[in-house]
Amino acid sequence: MPESSRRLVVAIDGPAGAGKSTTARLLAERLGYALLDTGAIYRTLALRARERGIPWDDGPAVAALAPDLNITFELRDGANRVLLDGVEISPRIRTPEMSDGASRVSALPEVRAALLGLQRRLGAEGGVVVEGRDIGTVVFPAAEAKFFLTATADERTRRRVAELRATGRIVDAAQTRDDLMARDHRDSSRAVAPLRKADDAVEIESSTMTAAEVVDRMADVVAKVSAGPVGPPATPGQAR
């Protein structure tokens, strides 16, 4: 990317299993950007709550854990490593149980409010790819490049099964599909910050695309935006 190009906030939203994590990692590497996985933040909070014996539906108690959530990301060796208090926890949060926990705690208004500031601080300087489910609509509504990545339910199930089996887990495809559909319903129907496509997001249906093809398309959009005119200053809570 030319030196004169602006370093943007790139928002990638979409349902579970759409390929956001892989695409976001590859795009961040291509652009030389940092990678912020907001889903991992919710997974980490769910893990911390489980460790403290706090039920995932106890909004005030789970939210109270957020201020002390010392989470950092390290993009190295082709993976986005998640560290809590300086200790890598990536394998512990990439499980079906923590995926379910993340979906449940993210539906709590108190939790979303408690983590909003953390997410914005981590991406405020730009030069970051942020992936999640409400990035372009709530967390960074003024992100300069927004994408909504999706795929068919069958393809998302296939990808999720392959991802879990690659870690050595025994996975039932039918149950995995049911879990994805249940999460889709929770994420799309929750009262606070539901999963939806931002009006100005570029939608990419990736069922028949490789990850490299998706990244190529996103990188083209980012290149055009970063080389364009600078927009007006962002309002509080937004990013430029």
Protein backbone atom coordinates (compact mmCIF):
# COMPACT_ATOMS: atom_id res chain seq x y z
CA MET A 1 0.00 0.00 0.00
CA PRO A 2 1.46 3.42 -0.94
CA GLU A 3 2.93 5.49 1.87
CA SER A 4 0.45 8.28 1.11
CA SER A 5 -2.49 5.97 1.69
CA ARG A 6 -4.50 6.43 4.85
CA ARG A 7 -4.55 3.68 7.44
CA LEU A 8 -8.19 2.80 7.87
CA VAL A 9 -10.52 1.00 10.20
CA VAL A 10 -11.75 -1.99 8.21
CA ALA A 11 -14.92 -3.58 9.61
CA ILE A 12 -15.90 -7.17 8.77
CA ASP A 13 -19.24 -8.42 10.07
CA GLY A 14 -21.19 -11.58 9.40
CA PRO A 15 -22.68 -14.74 10.90
CA ALA A 16 -20.79 -17.58 12.56
CA GLY A 17 -18.88 -19.81 10.17
CA ALA A 18 -18.83 -17.28 7.31
CA GLY A 19 -15.03 -17.20 7.30
CA LYS A 20 -14.54 -13.87 9.06
CA SER A 21 -11.58 -14.95 11.20
CA THR A 22 -9.57 -16.41 8.32
CA THR A 23 -10.40 -13.55 5.99
CA ALA A 24 -9.66 -10.88 8.60
CA ARG A 25 -6.29 -12.45 9.42
CA LEU A 26 -5.25 -12.72 5.78
CA LEU A 27 -6.43 -9.19 5.01
CA ALA A 28 -4.58 -7.75 8.02
CA GLU A 29 -1.41 -9.51 6.87
CA ARG A 30 -1.88 -8.21 3.33
CA LEU A 31 -2.39 -4.63 4.51
CA GLY A 32 0.17 -4.69 7.30
CA TYR A 33 -2.63 -3.84 9.75
CA ALA A 34 -3.33 -4.98 13.29
CA LEU A 35 -6.12 -7.51 13.76
CA LEU A 36 -8.86 -7.04 16.36
CA ASP A 37 -11.10 -10.06 16.88
CA THR A 38 -14.03 -8.80 18.93
CA GLY A 39 -15.52 -12.27 19.07
CA ALA A 40 -12.40 -13.38 20.90
CA ILE A 41 -13.00 -10.63 23.46
CA TYR A 42 -16.46 -12.01 24.21
CA ARG A 43 -15.08 -15.55 24.28
CA THR A 44 -12.42 -14.42 26.74
CA LEU A 45 -14.99 -12.76 28.96
CA ALA A 46 -17.09 -15.94 28.87
CA LEU A 47 -14.01 -17.94 29.87
CA ARG A 48 -13.21 -15.57 32.75
CA ALA A 49 -16.83 -15.79 33.95
CA ARG A 50 -16.69 -19.58 33.84
CA GLU A 51 -13.44 -19.55 35.82
CA ARG A 52 -15.02 -17.30 38.45
CA GLY A 53 -18.19 -19.42 38.66
CA ILE A 54 -20.38 -16.63 37.29
CA PRO A 55 -23.40 -17.73 35.20
CA TRP A 56 -23.39 -16.43 31.63
CA ASP A 57 -26.87 -14.95 32.06
CA ASP A 58 -25.89 -12.78 35.05
CA GLY A 59 -25.44 -9.53 33.17
CA PRO A 60 -24.21 -7.25 36.01
CA ALA A 61 -21.75 -9.84 37.35
CA VAL A 62 -20.31 -10.68 33.91
CA ALA A 63 -20.06 -7.00 32.99
CA ALA A 64 -18.19 -6.32 36.24
CA LEU A 65 -15.36 -8.51 34.94
CA ALA A 66 -14.82 -6.35 31.85
CA PRO A 67 -12.77 -3.46 33.32
CA ASP A 68 -10.04 -5.87 34.45
CA LEU A 69 -9.97 -7.87 31.22
CA ASN A 70 -6.32 -7.45 30.21
CA ILE A 71 -6.54 -8.84 26.68
CA THR A 72 -4.01 -8.38 23.89
CA PHE A 73 -3.60 -9.77 20.39
CA GLU A 74 -0.44 -10.94 18.59
CA LEU A 75 -0.59 -11.70 14.89
CA ARG A 76 2.26 -14.16 14.35
CA ASP A 77 3.01 -17.47 12.68
CA GLY A 78 -0.13 -17.18 10.57
CA ALA A 79 -2.48 -16.96 13.55
CA ASN A 80 -4.00 -14.27 15.73
CA ARG A 81 -2.91 -15.18 19.26
CA VAL A 82 -5.14 -14.10 22.13
CA LEU A 83 -3.44 -13.35 25.45
CA LEU A 84 -5.14 -12.80 28.80
CA ASP A 85 -2.92 -11.28 31.47
CA GLY A 86 0.03 -12.09 29.19
CA VAL A 87 -0.82 -15.80 28.89
CA GLU A 88 -2.02 -17.21 25.58
CA ILE A 89 -5.51 -18.65 25.81
CA SER A 90 -6.30 -19.16 22.13
CA PRO A 91 -6.97 -22.94 22.37
CA ARG A 92 -9.13 -22.48 25.47
CA ILE A 93 -11.52 -20.02 23.82
CA ARG A 94 -11.74 -21.72 20.41
CA THR A 95 -14.14 -24.40 21.60
CA PRO A 96 -17.87 -24.96 20.98
CA GLU A 97 -18.52 -24.27 24.66
CA MET A 98 -16.85 -20.84 24.58
CA SER A 99 -18.50 -20.08 21.25
CA ASP A 100 -21.84 -20.66 22.94
CA GLY A 101 -20.71 -18.63 25.95
CA ALA A 102 -19.67 -15.72 23.75
CA SER A 103 -23.05 -15.71 22.03
CA ARG A 104 -24.84 -15.71 25.37
CA VAL A 105 -22.82 -13.00 27.13
CA SER A 106 -22.81 -10.80 24.01
CA ALA A 107 -26.62 -10.65 24.19
CA LEU A 108 -26.44 -8.93 27.59
CA PRO A 109 -26.81 -5.12 27.36
CA GLU A 110 -24.56 -4.58 30.39
CA VAL A 111 -21.78 -6.62 28.81
CA ARG A 112 -21.96 -4.92 25.43
CA ALA A 113 -21.82 -1.50 27.09
CA ALA A 114 -18.89 -2.54 29.27
CA LEU A 115 -16.82 -3.81 26.32
CA LEU A 116 -17.66 -1.09 23.82
CA GLY A 117 -15.03 1.32 25.11
CA LEU A 118 -12.35 -1.38 25.13
CA GLN A 119 -13.04 -2.29 21.51
CA ARG A 120 -12.97 1.34 20.39
CA ARG A 121 -9.71 2.03 22.21
CA LEU A 122 -8.03 -0.95 20.60
CA GLY A 123 -8.95 0.27 17.12
CA ALA A 124 -8.99 4.03 17.55
CA GLU A 125 -5.69 4.75 15.79
CA GLY A 126 -6.72 3.11 12.52
CA GLY A 127 -4.59 0.65 10.60
CA VAL A 128 -6.73 -2.17 11.97
CA VAL A 129 -9.01 -4.91 10.66
CA VAL A 130 -11.88 -5.50 13.09
CA GLU A 131 -14.19 -8.49 12.82
CA GLY A 132 -17.37 -9.27 14.68
CA ARG A 133 -21.13 -8.92 14.36
CA ASP A 134 -21.83 -5.24 15.07
CA ILE A 135 -18.58 -3.55 14.05
CA GLY A 136 -19.90 -1.54 11.14
CA THR A 137 -23.20 -0.72 12.82
CA VAL A 138 -22.28 -0.02 16.46
CA VAL A 139 -18.60 -0.25 17.40
CA PHE A 140 -17.11 1.66 14.46
CA PRO A 141 -20.08 3.12 12.55
CA ALA A 142 -17.75 5.53 10.71
CA ALA A 143 -15.28 2.84 9.62
CA GLU A 144 -14.08 3.79 6.16
CA ALA A 145 -14.30 0.26 4.73
CA LYS A 146 -17.11 -2.07 5.75
CA PHE A 147 -17.86 -5.62 4.66
CA PHE A 148 -20.62 -8.09 5.45
CA LEU A 149 -19.33 -11.61 4.84
CA THR A 150 -21.80 -14.45 4.54
CA ALA A 151 -22.28 -17.93 3.08
CA THR A 152 -24.99 -20.57 2.92
CA ALA A 153 -25.81 -22.55 6.04
CA ASP A 154 -24.45 -25.74 4.47
CA GLU A 155 -21.16 -24.10 3.54
CA ARG A 156 -20.77 -22.46 6.93
CA THR A 157 -21.39 -25.84 8.58
CA ARG A 158 -18.79 -27.49 6.37
CA ARG A 159 -16.21 -24.85 7.24
CA ARG A 160 -16.90 -25.00 10.97
CA VAL A 161 -16.72 -28.81 11.02
CA ALA A 162 -13.40 -28.72 9.14
CA GLU A 163 -12.05 -26.08 11.53
CA LEU A 164 -12.96 -28.10 14.63
CA ARG A 165 -11.76 -31.42 13.22
CA ALA A 166 -8.43 -29.83 12.35
CA THR A 167 -7.89 -29.33 16.07
CA GLY A 168 -8.50 -33.03 16.72
CA ARG A 169 -12.05 -32.72 18.01
CA ILE A 170 -14.75 -35.28 17.23
CA VAL A 171 -17.54 -33.27 15.65
CA ASP A 172 -21.06 -34.19 14.59
CA ALA A 173 -22.00 -32.24 11.44
CA ALA A 174 -25.74 -32.19 12.17
CA GLN A 175 -25.19 -30.88 15.69
CA THR A 176 -22.75 -28.28 14.39
CA ARG A 177 -25.35 -27.06 11.92
CA ASP A 178 -27.98 -26.87 14.66
CA ASP A 179 -25.56 -24.90 16.84
CA LEU A 180 -24.87 -22.42 14.01
CA MET A 181 -28.57 -21.92 13.35
CA ALA A 182 -29.24 -21.36 17.05
CA ARG A 183 -26.45 -18.82 17.21
CA ASP A 184 -27.74 -17.07 14.09
CA HIS A 185 -31.12 -16.69 15.79
CA ARG A 186 -29.63 -15.35 19.04
CA ASP A 187 -27.28 -12.95 17.27
CA SER A 188 -29.93 -11.61 14.88
CA SER A 189 -32.81 -11.33 17.35
CA ARG A 190 -31.07 -9.90 20.42
CA ALA A 191 -32.41 -6.54 21.53
CA VAL A 192 -29.02 -4.82 21.71
CA ALA A 193 -26.76 -4.52 18.65
CA PRO A 194 -28.20 -7.40 16.63
CA LEU A 195 -26.32 -8.91 13.73
CA ARG A 196 -27.22 -7.00 10.57
CA LYS A 197 -25.56 -5.59 7.49
CA ALA A 198 -24.63 -1.91 7.71
CA ASP A 199 -26.26 0.15 4.98
CA ASP A 200 -22.87 1.14 3.56
CA ALA A 201 -21.21 -2.27 3.84
CA VAL A 202 -20.09 -4.29 0.83
CA GLU A 203 -21.78 -7.69 1.04
CA ILE A 204 -19.73 -10.70 -0.05
CA GLU A 205 -21.42 -14.07 -0.47
CA SER A 206 -18.42 -16.36 -0.15
CA SER A 207 -19.94 -19.83 -0.56
CA THR A 208 -18.17 -20.43 -3.88
CA MET A 209 -15.13 -18.24 -3.19
CA THR A 210 -11.76 -19.14 -1.74
CA ALA A 211 -10.40 -17.12 1.16
CA ALA A 212 -7.80 -15.66 -1.20
CA GLU A 213 -10.52 -14.48 -3.59
CA VAL A 214 -12.43 -12.82 -0.75
CA VAL A 215 -9.28 -11.08 0.46
CA ASP A 216 -8.46 -9.87 -3.06
CA ARG A 217 -11.88 -8.27 -3.33
CA MET A 218 -11.64 -6.64 0.08
CA ALA A 219 -8.11 -5.40 -0.55
CA ASP A 220 -9.23 -3.74 -3.79
CA VAL A 221 -11.97 -1.86 -1.94
CA VAL A 222 -9.61 -0.80 0.85
CA ALA A 223 -7.01 0.41 -1.67
CA LYS A 224 -9.56 2.59 -3.44
CA VAL A 225 -10.88 4.06 -0.20
CA SER A 226 -7.45 4.70 1.33
CA ALA A 227 -6.27 6.51 -1.79
CA GLY A 228 -9.39 8.68 -1.91
CA PRO A 229 -10.12 12.05 -0.30
CA VAL A 230 -10.13 12.29 3.47
CA GLY A 231 -13.64 12.59 4.91
CA PRO A 232 -14.84 14.91 7.68
CA PRO A 233 -13.59 14.40 11.25
CA ALA A 234 -15.24 11.59 13.11
CA THR A 235 -17.69 12.32 15.87
CA PRO A 236 -17.06 10.94 19.39
CA GLY A 237 -17.21 7.18 19.51
CA GLN A 238 -16.38 6.87 15.81
CA ALA A 239 -13.13 6.26 14.00
CA ARG A 240 -11.35 7.83 11.08
